[in-house]
Amino acid sequence: MYAYDELDRTIVNERVSEFRDQVARRLSGELTEDEFKTLRLMNGVYLQLHAYMLRIAIPYGTLSSKQLRALAHVARKYDRGYGHFTTRQNIQYNWIKLAELPDALADLAKVGIHGMQTSGNCIRNVTSDQWAGVAPGEVEDPRIWAEILRQYSTLHPEFSFLPRKFKFAITASEHDRAAIKVHDIGLRIHRNAAGEAGFEVLVGGGLGRTPFIGKTINEFVSHRDILSYVEAILRVYNQYGRRDNIYKARIKILVHELGIEKFKQEVEEEWVQMRDGALALDPAEVEDIRSRFFYPKYEKLEDTPDELKKALQNPNFEAWYRNSVAAHKAPGYGIVTLSLKPVGGPPGDATAEQMDEIADLADKYSFGEIRVGHEQNLALPHVARRDLPALWRALDRIGVATPNVNLVTDIIACPGLDYCSLANARSIPIAQEITRRFANHDTANLIGRLHINISGCINACGHHHVGHIGILGVEKNGEEFYQITIGGRADENAVLGNLVGPAVPFDQVADVIEDIVEAYLALRQRPDELFVDAVKRLGVEPFKERVYATR
């Protein structure tokens, strides 16, 4: 956990005060909705189908138990008793009244969280690996650098009105859990031939209407130079990015049209003028940031204590343990993923009661710390393995111990047409029906790792382009149809999925997914061949034949 200082608290409190005045002027009629729009977006407030939506940033996905209780409080007092965790490590509230928004933000400000830069054409919430700081084999904790980027970008005057929104993601593990290749700038911490830690910098990734996988612009940028290098990228984008066409305004379009070599040339020319200036990082400054992070004092514990051995004789616990507990860098500890994907439930939602209970469990079992992943699940990052049986029973009681992490029912989905004014089709009912079709955990385990991503429109908030199976809602003559892609992935081998065939109507989507899965089970070479590997080997045609044979 990072300990925020007085400057952080002052900025957040002053922003709440400013927004309270802006809301009062909107309610009095002094501001029109058009005049208010820019002001509310700067505070994470959207106008959706039925009400205002408030989006709250969770920087690099790290929460304290106190902060999670504050999120629960806002859900209970100002909303309808729940919040929705998103692919950007944010939480959204869909039913807050405009007049109560300043009070909600003031309550959150007391624990150091806010909605600044969760919308608008600025640098958005900096995201990272939800296992950062505890994953075995990690080069270093990427949250240190995510925090440096957060401080650098917050209210940055030059980059508050970019051509379009701008997103960073950062990882320091061999396996990419932060989806860095589908961000405007992706950073991968690694070591060069001399053993020095630094950054591979990728640029121009992104999904939406025109999806691209990010391209490496520099194989190795030192710790000292990373801020000046990303600022050089931002300056080139700010100068040349399109402002006359919203659909061509993202940096991915600029990189594509210029080509990565020409874009790199522009960046290098900008960088050479500034790399030795004020943004060159002093190691002492980095260490100051590092010192503000709290790391638990781990005990020396057994990896397989007696309590765990006994509990593993219970098949229900064993299934959850195998699915939801990951290795930890400290012996005797594990990383526990909490599934927010119950069978028949909206993906990513958590009730106020669940959030309060999870906060209590974090205090008891995880040093008061919770993580949010871009897959819309939560994690407890510091759990002693001796405590896993007791934790499992507690998680099961509140409905977040479904053993489906990374399986077919662990679906990523945007809110879709049930809430969003931009959506063409519903996402949540599609996800709910698919989870019912594959509710048998034995069947899900037989299928193996399979990610389904659903977006209700081309903006791709559900990251459908990089789902192993991607589902995109489209509108045809006033009816909901869905395009299906297969073979996408968002990890270190990120690739965009391929379209299976013509869009299918709402009531056929779950049938199509069943057909695709059945084709995979029949065609895979061995039980451990993953779905994405089978698609890579076979191509789309065998699946297309199965889907459209009877349609």
Protein backbone atom coordinates (compact mmCIF):
# COMPACT_ATOMS: atom_id res chain seq x y z
CA MET A 1 0.00 0.00 0.00
CA TYR A 2 1.13 3.55 -0.76
CA ALA A 3 0.86 6.20 1.96
CA TYR A 4 -0.51 9.41 0.43
CA ASP A 5 0.91 12.68 1.68
CA GLU A 6 -0.62 16.05 2.55
CA LEU A 7 -0.30 17.32 -1.02
CA ASP A 8 -2.40 14.44 -2.34
CA ARG A 9 -5.09 15.04 0.28
CA THR A 10 -5.16 18.78 -0.44
CA ILE A 11 -5.57 18.26 -4.18
CA VAL A 12 -8.44 15.80 -3.71
CA ASN A 13 -10.26 17.96 -1.14
CA GLU A 14 -9.92 21.10 -3.24
CA ARG A 15 -11.28 19.29 -6.29
CA VAL A 16 -14.34 18.15 -4.28
CA SER A 17 -14.96 21.74 -3.19
CA GLU A 18 -14.72 22.99 -6.78
CA PHE A 19 -17.08 20.30 -8.02
CA ARG A 20 -19.61 21.04 -5.27
CA ASP A 21 -19.84 24.60 -6.56
CA GLN A 22 -20.15 23.39 -10.17
CA VAL A 23 -23.00 21.01 -9.27
CA ALA A 24 -24.80 23.77 -7.39
CA ARG A 25 -24.61 26.00 -10.47
CA ARG A 26 -25.90 23.19 -12.67
CA LEU A 27 -28.84 22.51 -10.34
CA SER A 28 -29.73 26.21 -10.19
CA GLY A 29 -29.73 26.45 -13.99
CA GLU A 30 -26.73 28.77 -14.10
CA LEU A 31 -24.91 26.10 -16.13
CA THR A 32 -26.52 24.22 -19.02
CA GLU A 33 -25.89 20.47 -19.41
CA ASP A 34 -23.53 21.22 -22.29
CA GLU A 35 -21.57 23.70 -20.16
CA PHE A 36 -21.53 21.26 -17.23
CA LYS A 37 -20.40 18.28 -19.33
CA THR A 38 -16.70 19.15 -19.44
CA LEU A 39 -16.65 19.91 -15.72
CA ARG A 40 -18.36 16.66 -14.69
CA LEU A 41 -16.18 14.55 -16.97
CA MET A 42 -13.09 15.93 -15.23
CA ASN A 43 -14.50 14.34 -12.07
CA GLY A 44 -15.48 10.98 -13.53
CA VAL A 45 -19.18 11.71 -13.96
CA TYR A 46 -21.02 10.46 -17.06
CA LEU A 47 -24.66 10.90 -18.07
CA GLN A 48 -25.90 7.43 -19.01
CA LEU A 49 -29.26 6.01 -20.04
CA HIS A 50 -31.06 6.29 -16.72
CA ALA A 51 -28.92 8.41 -14.42
CA TYR A 52 -25.48 9.89 -13.82
CA MET A 53 -22.66 7.36 -13.49
CA LEU A 54 -19.70 7.99 -11.19
CA ARG A 55 -16.36 6.36 -11.98
CA ILE A 56 -13.76 6.15 -9.21
CA ALA A 57 -10.06 5.49 -9.82
CA ILE A 58 -8.22 2.70 -8.04
CA PRO A 59 -4.61 3.51 -8.98
CA TYR A 60 -2.77 0.38 -10.15
CA GLY A 61 -5.55 -1.70 -8.61
CA THR A 62 -4.47 -1.43 -4.96
CA LEU A 63 -7.00 -0.78 -2.17
CA SER A 64 -6.81 -0.70 1.59
CA SER A 65 -9.59 -2.24 3.65
CA LYS A 66 -10.53 1.27 4.81
CA GLN A 67 -10.89 2.39 1.20
CA LEU A 68 -12.99 -0.64 0.27
CA ARG A 69 -15.32 0.11 3.18
CA ALA A 70 -15.66 3.66 1.86
CA LEU A 71 -16.61 2.27 -1.57
CA ALA A 72 -19.19 0.07 0.15
CA HIS A 73 -20.53 3.10 2.04
CA VAL A 74 -21.03 5.05 -1.19
CA ALA A 75 -22.81 2.08 -2.78
CA ARG A 76 -25.12 1.79 0.20
CA LYS A 77 -25.83 5.47 0.90
CA TYR A 78 -25.85 7.04 -2.56
CA ASP A 79 -26.47 4.20 -5.02
CA ARG A 80 -28.50 0.97 -5.09
CA GLY A 81 -26.25 -1.08 -2.88
CA TYR A 82 -23.58 -2.25 -5.31
CA GLY A 83 -20.65 -1.14 -7.48
CA HIS A 84 -19.25 -2.41 -10.77
CA PHE A 85 -15.50 -3.11 -11.09
CA THR A 86 -14.18 -2.41 -14.58
CA THR A 87 -11.36 -3.50 -16.89
CA ARG A 88 -9.51 -0.27 -16.04
CA GLN A 89 -9.19 -1.08 -12.31
CA ASN A 90 -11.94 1.44 -11.57
CA ILE A 91 -15.30 1.09 -9.83
CA GLN A 92 -18.50 2.56 -11.27
CA TYR A 93 -21.76 3.55 -9.59
CA ASN A 94 -24.71 3.70 -11.96
CA TRP A 95 -27.53 5.35 -10.01
CA ILE A 96 -26.12 8.30 -8.06
CA LYS A 97 -28.22 11.48 -7.96
CA LEU A 98 -26.53 14.61 -9.24
CA ALA A 99 -27.26 16.57 -6.06
CA GLU A 100 -25.54 13.90 -3.95
CA LEU A 101 -22.41 13.48 -6.09
CA PRO A 102 -20.32 16.05 -4.15
CA ASP A 103 -21.17 14.37 -0.84
CA ALA A 104 -20.20 10.96 -2.24
CA LEU A 105 -16.89 12.34 -3.50
CA ALA A 106 -16.27 14.09 -0.17
CA ASP A 107 -16.78 10.81 1.68
CA LEU A 108 -14.32 9.07 -0.64
CA ALA A 109 -11.80 11.93 -0.30
CA LYS A 110 -11.53 11.12 3.42
CA VAL A 111 -9.75 7.88 2.47
CA GLY A 112 -7.77 9.35 -0.44
CA ILE A 113 -9.76 8.15 -3.46
CA HIS A 114 -11.43 10.21 -6.16
CA GLY A 115 -12.80 10.37 -9.69
CA MET A 116 -10.23 12.71 -11.22
CA GLN A 117 -9.02 11.76 -14.69
CA THR A 118 -11.27 8.72 -14.96
CA SER A 119 -12.81 10.37 -18.02
CA GLY A 120 -12.00 13.13 -20.49
CA ASN A 121 -9.13 13.55 -22.95
CA CYS A 122 -6.38 13.21 -20.39
CA ILE A 123 -4.08 10.57 -18.91
CA ARG A 124 -6.44 8.09 -17.28
CA ASN A 125 -5.97 5.82 -14.25
CA VAL A 126 -2.57 4.11 -14.50
CA THR A 127 -3.11 0.34 -14.35
CA SER A 128 -0.82 -2.55 -13.46
CA ASP A 129 -0.59 -6.23 -12.64
CA GLN A 130 -2.98 -7.07 -9.79
CA TRP A 131 -0.28 -9.37 -8.38
CA ALA A 132 2.37 -6.64 -8.42
CA GLY A 133 4.85 -6.85 -5.58
CA VAL A 134 3.97 -10.44 -4.65
CA ALA A 135 4.33 -12.42 -7.89
CA PRO A 136 7.26 -14.87 -7.98
CA GLY A 137 9.94 -13.97 -10.51
CA GLU A 138 8.91 -10.34 -10.80
CA VAL A 139 11.81 -8.00 -11.72
CA GLU A 140 10.60 -5.35 -9.26
CA ASP A 141 7.32 -3.94 -8.00
CA PRO A 142 5.79 -2.09 -10.99
CA ARG A 143 3.48 -0.12 -8.69
CA ILE A 144 6.45 2.08 -7.74
CA TRP A 145 6.57 3.26 -11.35
CA ALA A 146 2.81 3.38 -11.69
CA GLU A 147 2.76 5.73 -8.71
CA ILE A 148 5.48 7.90 -10.25
CA LEU A 149 3.40 8.08 -13.44
CA ARG A 150 0.30 8.89 -11.39
CA GLN A 151 2.00 11.79 -9.64
CA TYR A 152 3.52 13.01 -12.89
CA SER A 153 0.23 12.91 -14.81
CA THR A 154 -2.28 14.16 -12.23
CA LEU A 155 -3.59 17.56 -13.38
CA HIS A 156 -0.64 17.88 -15.81
CA PRO A 157 -1.43 21.19 -17.58
CA GLU A 158 0.08 20.18 -20.93
CA PHE A 159 -1.78 16.88 -21.13
CA SER A 160 -5.21 17.73 -19.71
CA PHE A 161 -6.73 18.26 -23.16
CA LEU A 162 -5.12 15.68 -25.41
CA PRO A 163 -6.64 14.79 -28.79
CA ARG A 164 -8.26 11.80 -27.04
CA LYS A 165 -8.10 9.79 -23.81
CA PHE A 166 -4.72 8.22 -22.98
CA LYS A 167 -3.99 5.03 -21.06
CA PHE A 168 -0.85 3.56 -19.46
CA ALA A 169 -0.35 -0.02 -18.27
CA ILE A 170 2.76 -1.48 -16.65
CA THR A 171 4.01 -4.95 -15.74
CA ALA A 172 7.23 -6.48 -14.43
CA SER A 173 6.47 -10.18 -14.87
CA GLU A 174 7.18 -12.54 -17.71
CA HIS A 175 3.46 -13.28 -17.93
CA ASP A 176 1.56 -10.09 -18.69
CA ARG A 177 -1.51 -9.74 -16.46
CA ALA A 178 -1.88 -6.01 -17.24
CA ALA A 179 -2.64 -6.26 -20.99
CA ILE A 180 0.09 -3.73 -21.80
CA LYS A 181 -0.07 -4.40 -25.55
CA VAL A 182 -3.57 -2.93 -25.90
CA HIS A 183 -2.77 0.40 -24.24
CA ASP A 184 -1.64 3.74 -25.63
CA ILE A 185 1.66 3.23 -23.81
CA GLY A 186 2.61 -0.15 -22.36
CA LEU A 187 5.66 -0.54 -20.14
CA ARG A 188 7.40 -3.86 -19.42
CA ILE A 189 10.12 -3.83 -16.78
CA HIS A 190 12.92 -6.24 -17.62
CA ARG A 191 16.69 -6.55 -17.35
CA ASN A 192 19.15 -5.82 -20.16
CA ALA A 193 22.28 -7.83 -20.96
CA ALA A 194 24.18 -5.97 -18.23
CA GLY A 195 21.58 -6.94 -15.63
CA GLU A 196 20.17 -3.42 -15.29
CA ALA A 197 16.42 -3.01 -14.83
CA GLY A 198 14.62 -0.74 -17.28
CA PHE A 199 11.61 -0.49 -19.55
CA GLU A 200 10.56 -1.87 -22.88
CA VAL A 201 8.22 0.84 -24.18
CA LEU A 202 5.30 -0.07 -26.43
CA VAL A 203 3.10 2.50 -28.09
CA GLY A 204 -0.06 2.66 -30.17
CA GLY A 205 -2.04 -0.23 -28.73
CA GLY A 206 -5.77 0.05 -28.25
CA LEU A 207 -9.12 -1.50 -29.06
CA GLY A 208 -12.38 0.21 -30.02
CA ARG A 209 -13.45 0.93 -33.59
CA THR A 210 -9.95 0.38 -35.02
CA PRO A 211 -8.02 -2.09 -32.86
CA PHE A 212 -4.22 -2.34 -32.84
CA ILE A 213 -1.63 -4.28 -30.87
CA GLY A 214 1.05 -1.95 -29.48
CA LYS A 215 4.46 -1.79 -31.14
CA THR A 216 7.82 -1.59 -29.41
CA ILE A 217 9.28 1.88 -29.85
CA ASN A 218 12.26 1.35 -27.54
CA GLU A 219 13.62 -1.94 -26.23
CA PHE A 220 15.25 -0.42 -23.15
CA VAL A 221 14.75 2.92 -21.43
CA SER A 222 16.50 3.39 -18.09
CA HIS A 223 14.78 4.22 -14.81
CA ARG A 224 16.32 7.68 -14.99
CA ASP A 225 14.85 8.45 -18.39
CA ILE A 226 11.40 6.89 -18.34
CA LEU A 227 9.44 10.06 -17.51
CA SER A 228 11.22 12.15 -20.13
CA TYR A 229 10.72 9.41 -22.72
CA VAL A 230 6.98 9.03 -22.16
CA GLU A 231 6.63 12.81 -22.14
CA ALA A 232 8.36 12.94 -25.52
CA ILE A 233 5.75 10.46 -26.81
CA LEU A 234 2.94 12.53 -25.34
CA ARG A 235 4.29 15.75 -26.86
CA VAL A 236 4.48 14.22 -30.33
CA TYR A 237 0.94 12.89 -29.94
CA ASN A 238 -0.35 16.20 -28.58
CA GLN A 239 1.13 18.02 -31.57
CA TYR A 240 0.17 15.68 -34.40
CA GLY A 241 -2.87 13.77 -33.08
CA ARG A 242 -6.14 14.38 -34.91
CA ARG A 243 -8.60 16.75 -33.25
CA ASP A 244 -10.96 17.04 -36.21
CA ASN A 245 -12.20 13.44 -36.12
CA ILE A 246 -12.96 11.61 -32.86
CA TYR A 247 -12.63 8.24 -34.58
CA LYS A 248 -9.07 9.00 -35.70
CA ALA A 249 -7.87 10.86 -32.62
CA ARG A 250 -6.21 8.06 -30.64
CA ILE A 251 -2.43 7.68 -30.72
CA LYS A 252 -2.83 4.24 -32.31
CA ILE A 253 -4.06 5.94 -35.50
CA LEU A 254 -1.11 8.34 -35.54
CA VAL A 255 1.38 5.49 -35.04
CA HIS A 256 -0.33 3.46 -37.77
CA GLU A 257 -0.42 6.29 -40.29
CA LEU A 258 3.16 7.49 -39.68
CA GLY A 259 4.60 4.01 -39.17
CA ILE A 260 6.52 3.06 -36.04
CA GLU A 261 9.92 4.09 -37.45
CA LYS A 262 8.80 7.60 -38.41
CA PHE A 263 6.94 7.97 -35.13
CA LYS A 264 10.05 6.87 -33.23
CA GLN A 265 12.14 9.40 -35.14
CA GLU A 266 9.79 12.19 -34.06
CA VAL A 267 9.91 10.99 -30.46
CA GLU A 268 13.69 10.68 -30.39
CA GLU A 269 14.10 14.20 -31.79
CA GLU A 270 11.83 15.52 -29.05
CA TRP A 271 13.50 13.42 -26.36
CA VAL A 272 17.08 14.49 -27.11
CA GLN A 273 16.11 18.06 -26.23
CA MET A 274 14.71 17.19 -22.81
CA ARG A 275 16.18 13.94 -21.46
CA ASP A 276 18.71 15.70 -19.22
CA GLY A 277 16.21 18.22 -17.93
CA ALA A 278 13.82 18.33 -14.97
CA LEU A 279 12.24 14.96 -15.74
CA ALA A 280 15.48 13.00 -15.31
CA LEU A 281 14.72 10.94 -12.21
CA ASP A 282 17.00 11.18 -9.21
CA PRO A 283 17.41 7.73 -7.57
CA ALA A 284 16.71 9.39 -4.22
CA GLU A 285 13.30 10.51 -5.47
CA VAL A 286 12.48 6.99 -6.62
CA GLU A 287 13.55 5.60 -3.26
CA ASP A 288 11.32 8.14 -1.51
CA ILE A 289 8.34 6.83 -3.47
CA ARG A 290 9.39 3.24 -2.78
CA SER A 291 9.65 3.97 0.95
CA ARG A 292 6.03 5.08 1.03
CA PHE A 293 4.80 1.63 0.07
CA PHE A 294 3.87 -0.68 2.92
CA TYR A 295 5.10 -4.27 2.62
CA PRO A 296 3.98 -6.90 5.14
CA LYS A 297 6.42 -8.52 7.53
CA TYR A 298 5.90 -12.09 6.45
CA GLU A 299 6.34 -14.94 8.90
CA LYS A 300 8.42 -18.00 8.04
CA LEU A 301 5.67 -20.50 7.23
CA GLU A 302 5.25 -23.92 5.66
CA ASP A 303 3.91 -24.13 2.12
CA THR A 304 1.70 -27.10 2.99
CA PRO A 305 0.74 -26.82 6.66
CA ASP A 306 -1.41 -29.45 8.36
CA GLU A 307 -4.52 -27.26 8.15
CA LEU A 308 -4.17 -27.14 4.36
CA LYS A 309 -3.43 -30.86 3.99
CA LYS A 310 -6.59 -31.73 5.90
CA ALA A 311 -8.75 -29.25 3.98
CA LEU A 312 -7.55 -30.57 0.61
CA GLN A 313 -9.41 -33.80 1.35
CA ASN A 314 -12.63 -31.83 0.81
CA PRO A 315 -13.27 -31.89 -2.98
CA ASN A 316 -15.06 -28.52 -2.91
CA PHE A 317 -12.16 -26.82 -1.17
CA GLU A 318 -9.64 -28.62 -3.39
CA ALA A 319 -11.43 -27.36 -6.54
CA TRP A 320 -11.37 -23.78 -5.24
CA TYR A 321 -7.75 -24.04 -4.09
CA ARG A 322 -6.58 -25.37 -7.46
CA ASN A 323 -8.49 -22.65 -9.31
CA SER A 324 -8.21 -19.55 -7.14
CA VAL A 325 -4.91 -19.71 -5.20
CA ALA A 326 -1.67 -18.69 -6.92
CA ALA A 327 1.96 -18.93 -5.85
CA HIS A 328 3.42 -16.10 -3.76
CA LYS A 329 7.01 -14.85 -3.58
CA ALA A 330 7.03 -15.51 0.18
CA PRO A 331 7.05 -19.18 1.27
CA GLY A 332 3.91 -20.20 3.11
CA TYR A 333 1.71 -17.54 1.49
CA GLY A 334 -0.64 -17.46 -1.48
CA ILE A 335 -2.44 -14.95 -3.69
CA VAL A 336 -6.19 -15.54 -3.57
CA THR A 337 -8.46 -14.41 -6.40
CA LEU A 338 -12.06 -13.65 -5.45
CA SER A 339 -14.48 -14.35 -8.28
CA LEU A 340 -17.01 -11.60 -8.98
CA LYS A 341 -18.55 -13.88 -11.62
CA PRO A 342 -21.26 -15.96 -9.90
CA VAL A 343 -23.37 -18.18 -12.12
CA GLY A 344 -26.23 -16.05 -13.44
CA GLY A 345 -24.84 -12.80 -12.02
CA PRO A 346 -23.61 -9.59 -13.70
CA PRO A 347 -19.80 -9.84 -14.17
CA GLY A 348 -17.76 -7.51 -11.99
CA ASP A 349 -20.51 -6.44 -9.59
CA ALA A 350 -20.03 -6.47 -5.82
CA THR A 351 -22.64 -5.53 -3.23
CA ALA A 352 -21.95 -3.16 -0.37
CA GLU A 353 -22.28 -6.09 2.03
CA GLN A 354 -19.73 -8.13 0.06
CA MET A 355 -17.29 -5.21 -0.02
CA ASP A 356 -17.58 -4.74 3.76
CA GLU A 357 -17.07 -8.46 4.36
CA ILE A 358 -14.07 -8.58 2.01
CA ALA A 359 -12.56 -5.59 3.81
CA ASP A 360 -12.93 -7.43 7.13
CA LEU A 361 -11.37 -10.57 5.65
CA ALA A 362 -8.51 -8.50 4.24
CA ASP A 363 -7.80 -7.17 7.71
CA LYS A 364 -7.88 -10.67 9.17
CA TYR A 365 -6.00 -12.57 6.47
CA SER A 366 -4.25 -10.18 4.03
CA PHE A 367 -2.65 -7.34 6.02
CA GLY A 368 -5.59 -5.06 5.13
CA GLU A 369 -4.89 -5.06 1.38
CA ILE A 370 -7.10 -5.84 -1.63
CA ARG A 371 -6.31 -5.78 -5.35
CA VAL A 372 -8.52 -5.17 -8.39
CA GLY A 373 -7.65 -6.95 -11.64
CA HIS A 374 -8.53 -5.89 -15.17
CA GLU A 375 -10.46 -9.18 -15.45
CA GLN A 376 -13.03 -7.62 -13.05
CA ASN A 377 -12.15 -9.82 -10.08
CA LEU A 378 -10.62 -8.95 -6.72
CA ALA A 379 -7.62 -10.51 -4.99
CA LEU A 380 -6.22 -10.82 -1.48
CA PRO A 381 -2.46 -10.69 -2.08
CA HIS A 382 -0.95 -11.84 1.23
CA VAL A 383 -2.79 -14.88 2.62
CA ALA A 384 -0.98 -17.43 4.81
CA ARG A 385 -1.65 -20.90 3.43
CA ARG A 386 -2.61 -22.14 6.90
CA ASP A 387 -5.53 -19.67 6.77
CA LEU A 388 -6.86 -20.73 3.36
CA PRO A 389 -9.50 -23.18 4.66
CA ALA A 390 -11.03 -20.59 7.01
CA LEU A 391 -10.85 -17.91 4.32
CA TRP A 392 -12.54 -20.18 1.78
CA ARG A 393 -15.47 -20.83 4.11
CA ALA A 394 -15.88 -17.10 4.69
CA LEU A 395 -15.65 -16.25 0.97
CA ASP A 396 -18.12 -19.00 0.12
CA ARG A 397 -20.65 -17.57 2.56
CA ILE A 398 -20.64 -14.21 0.75
CA GLY A 399 -20.66 -15.66 -2.78
CA VAL A 400 -17.16 -14.85 -4.04
CA ALA A 401 -15.60 -18.32 -3.95
CA THR A 402 -16.90 -19.61 -7.29
CA PRO A 403 -14.02 -21.78 -8.62
CA ASN A 404 -14.16 -20.38 -12.15
CA VAL A 405 -11.17 -18.02 -12.39
CA ASN A 406 -9.85 -18.05 -15.99
CA LEU A 407 -12.50 -20.56 -17.01
CA VAL A 408 -15.41 -20.22 -19.40
CA THR A 409 -17.75 -18.53 -16.88
CA ASP A 410 -15.13 -15.98 -15.76
CA ILE A 411 -16.56 -13.55 -18.30
CA ILE A 412 -15.40 -9.96 -18.83
CA ALA A 413 -18.31 -7.72 -19.82
CA CYS A 414 -19.16 -4.04 -20.02
CA PRO A 415 -22.52 -2.82 -18.61
CA GLY A 416 -23.93 -2.64 -22.17
CA LEU A 417 -27.34 -1.35 -23.15
CA ASP A 418 -28.79 -1.94 -19.69
CA TYR A 419 -26.92 1.19 -18.58
CA CYS A 420 -24.74 2.78 -21.24
CA SER A 421 -26.08 5.39 -23.67
CA LEU A 422 -23.38 4.46 -26.20
CA ALA A 423 -24.23 0.77 -26.36
CA ASN A 424 -26.02 -0.93 -29.25
CA ALA A 425 -26.85 -4.15 -27.43
CA ARG A 426 -27.02 -5.76 -24.02
CA SER A 427 -23.96 -7.46 -22.52
CA ILE A 428 -25.06 -8.54 -19.06
CA PRO A 429 -27.89 -10.92 -20.09
CA ILE A 430 -25.59 -12.59 -22.62
CA ALA A 431 -22.99 -13.17 -19.89
CA GLN A 432 -25.61 -14.44 -17.47
CA GLU A 433 -26.99 -16.98 -19.95
CA ILE A 434 -23.53 -18.27 -20.91
CA THR A 435 -22.65 -18.80 -17.25
CA ARG A 436 -25.85 -20.78 -16.79
CA ARG A 437 -25.02 -22.97 -19.81
CA PHE A 438 -21.58 -23.78 -18.35
CA ALA A 439 -22.50 -23.78 -14.67
CA ASN A 440 -21.10 -27.27 -14.10
CA HIS A 441 -17.57 -26.72 -12.78
CA ASP A 442 -16.46 -30.15 -13.91
CA THR A 443 -17.39 -29.21 -17.47
CA ALA A 444 -15.62 -25.87 -17.14
CA ASN A 445 -12.47 -27.60 -15.91
CA LEU A 446 -12.66 -30.07 -18.81
CA ILE A 447 -12.74 -27.11 -21.21
CA GLY A 448 -9.80 -25.44 -19.46
CA ARG A 449 -8.58 -21.87 -19.71
CA LEU A 450 -11.00 -19.95 -21.90
CA HIS A 451 -11.68 -16.22 -21.70
CA ILE A 452 -14.95 -14.80 -23.02
CA ASN A 453 -15.15 -11.01 -23.43
CA ILE A 454 -18.35 -9.11 -24.23
CA SER A 455 -18.79 -5.51 -25.42
CA GLY A 456 -22.13 -3.83 -26.03
CA CYS A 457 -20.70 -1.53 -28.69
CA ILE A 458 -17.64 -0.87 -30.82
CA ASN A 459 -15.97 1.16 -28.06
CA ALA A 460 -14.87 -2.25 -26.72
CA CYS A 461 -15.01 -1.60 -22.97
CA GLY A 462 -15.33 -5.37 -22.58
CA HIS A 463 -12.10 -5.91 -24.58
CA HIS A 464 -13.88 -8.31 -26.94
CA HIS A 465 -11.12 -8.01 -29.58
CA VAL A 466 -8.67 -9.86 -27.30
CA GLY A 467 -11.02 -12.41 -25.80
CA HIS A 468 -10.33 -16.04 -26.59
CA ILE A 469 -13.95 -15.72 -27.64
CA GLY A 470 -15.07 -12.15 -28.27
CA ILE A 471 -18.70 -11.04 -28.47
CA LEU A 472 -19.58 -7.61 -29.89
CA GLY A 473 -23.11 -6.22 -29.80
CA VAL A 474 -24.27 -4.45 -32.97
CA GLU A 475 -27.62 -3.01 -34.04
CA LYS A 476 -29.42 -4.24 -37.17
CA ASN A 477 -32.71 -2.62 -38.08
CA GLY A 478 -33.45 -1.88 -34.45
CA GLU A 479 -32.59 -5.39 -33.25
CA GLU A 480 -29.65 -6.67 -31.20
CA PHE A 481 -27.15 -8.82 -33.09
CA TYR A 482 -23.71 -10.04 -32.05
CA GLN A 483 -20.48 -10.58 -33.94
CA ILE A 484 -18.32 -13.45 -32.67
CA THR A 485 -14.50 -13.53 -32.88
CA ILE A 486 -12.14 -16.27 -31.74
CA GLY A 487 -8.42 -16.58 -31.06
CA GLY A 488 -7.75 -13.24 -29.38
CA ARG A 489 -5.58 -12.85 -26.31
CA ALA A 490 -4.40 -9.96 -24.12
CA ASP A 491 -1.23 -11.36 -22.54
CA GLU A 492 2.44 -11.19 -23.61
CA ASN A 493 1.44 -12.91 -26.87
CA ALA A 494 -1.42 -10.49 -27.50
CA VAL A 495 -3.29 -10.87 -30.78
CA LEU A 496 -6.65 -9.72 -32.10
CA GLY A 497 -9.38 -12.29 -32.61
CA ASN A 498 -10.76 -13.26 -36.03
CA LEU A 499 -14.38 -12.96 -37.05
CA VAL A 500 -16.17 -16.32 -37.27
CA GLY A 501 -18.93 -15.18 -39.63
CA PRO A 502 -22.13 -13.15 -39.88
CA ALA A 503 -23.62 -11.65 -36.71
CA VAL A 504 -26.23 -13.71 -34.89
CA PRO A 505 -29.36 -12.52 -33.05
CA PHE A 506 -29.56 -12.13 -29.28
CA ASP A 507 -31.33 -15.43 -28.65
CA GLN A 508 -28.71 -17.47 -30.53
CA VAL A 509 -25.50 -16.19 -28.91
CA ALA A 510 -25.28 -18.75 -26.11
CA ASP A 511 -26.00 -21.54 -28.60
CA VAL A 512 -23.15 -20.31 -30.81
CA ILE A 513 -20.75 -20.26 -27.86
CA GLU A 514 -21.75 -23.84 -27.02
CA ASP A 515 -21.14 -24.86 -30.65
CA ILE A 516 -17.66 -23.26 -30.63
CA VAL A 517 -16.72 -24.96 -27.36
CA GLU A 518 -18.01 -28.33 -28.57
CA ALA A 519 -15.98 -27.96 -31.76
CA TYR A 520 -12.88 -27.20 -29.70
CA LEU A 521 -13.37 -30.25 -27.48
CA ALA A 522 -13.73 -32.44 -30.56
CA LEU A 523 -10.76 -30.94 -32.41
CA ARG A 524 -8.11 -30.38 -29.74
CA GLN A 525 -5.09 -32.66 -30.05
CA ARG A 526 -4.81 -33.41 -26.34
CA PRO A 527 -6.65 -32.44 -23.13
CA ASP A 528 -4.12 -29.74 -22.24
CA GLU A 529 -4.21 -27.94 -25.63
CA LEU A 530 -5.71 -24.55 -24.78
CA PHE A 531 -8.56 -23.12 -26.82
CA VAL A 532 -6.41 -20.26 -28.17
CA ASP A 533 -3.71 -22.70 -29.21
CA ALA A 534 -6.23 -24.88 -31.02
CA VAL A 535 -7.59 -21.84 -32.88
CA LYS A 536 -4.06 -20.78 -33.83
CA ARG A 537 -3.37 -24.26 -35.18
CA LEU A 538 -6.68 -24.80 -36.97
CA GLY A 539 -7.80 -21.32 -38.02
CA VAL A 540 -11.41 -20.13 -38.04
CA GLU A 541 -12.93 -22.47 -40.64
CA PRO A 542 -13.61 -25.59 -38.52
CA PHE A 543 -15.42 -23.45 -35.96
CA LYS A 544 -17.30 -21.50 -38.61
CA GLU A 545 -18.52 -24.76 -40.18
CA ARG A 546 -19.83 -25.96 -36.81
CA VAL A 547 -21.56 -22.66 -35.97
CA TYR A 548 -23.33 -22.10 -39.28
CA ALA A 549 -24.05 -25.70 -40.26
CA THR A 550 -27.63 -25.49 -38.98
CA ARG A 551 -28.23 -21.76 -39.25
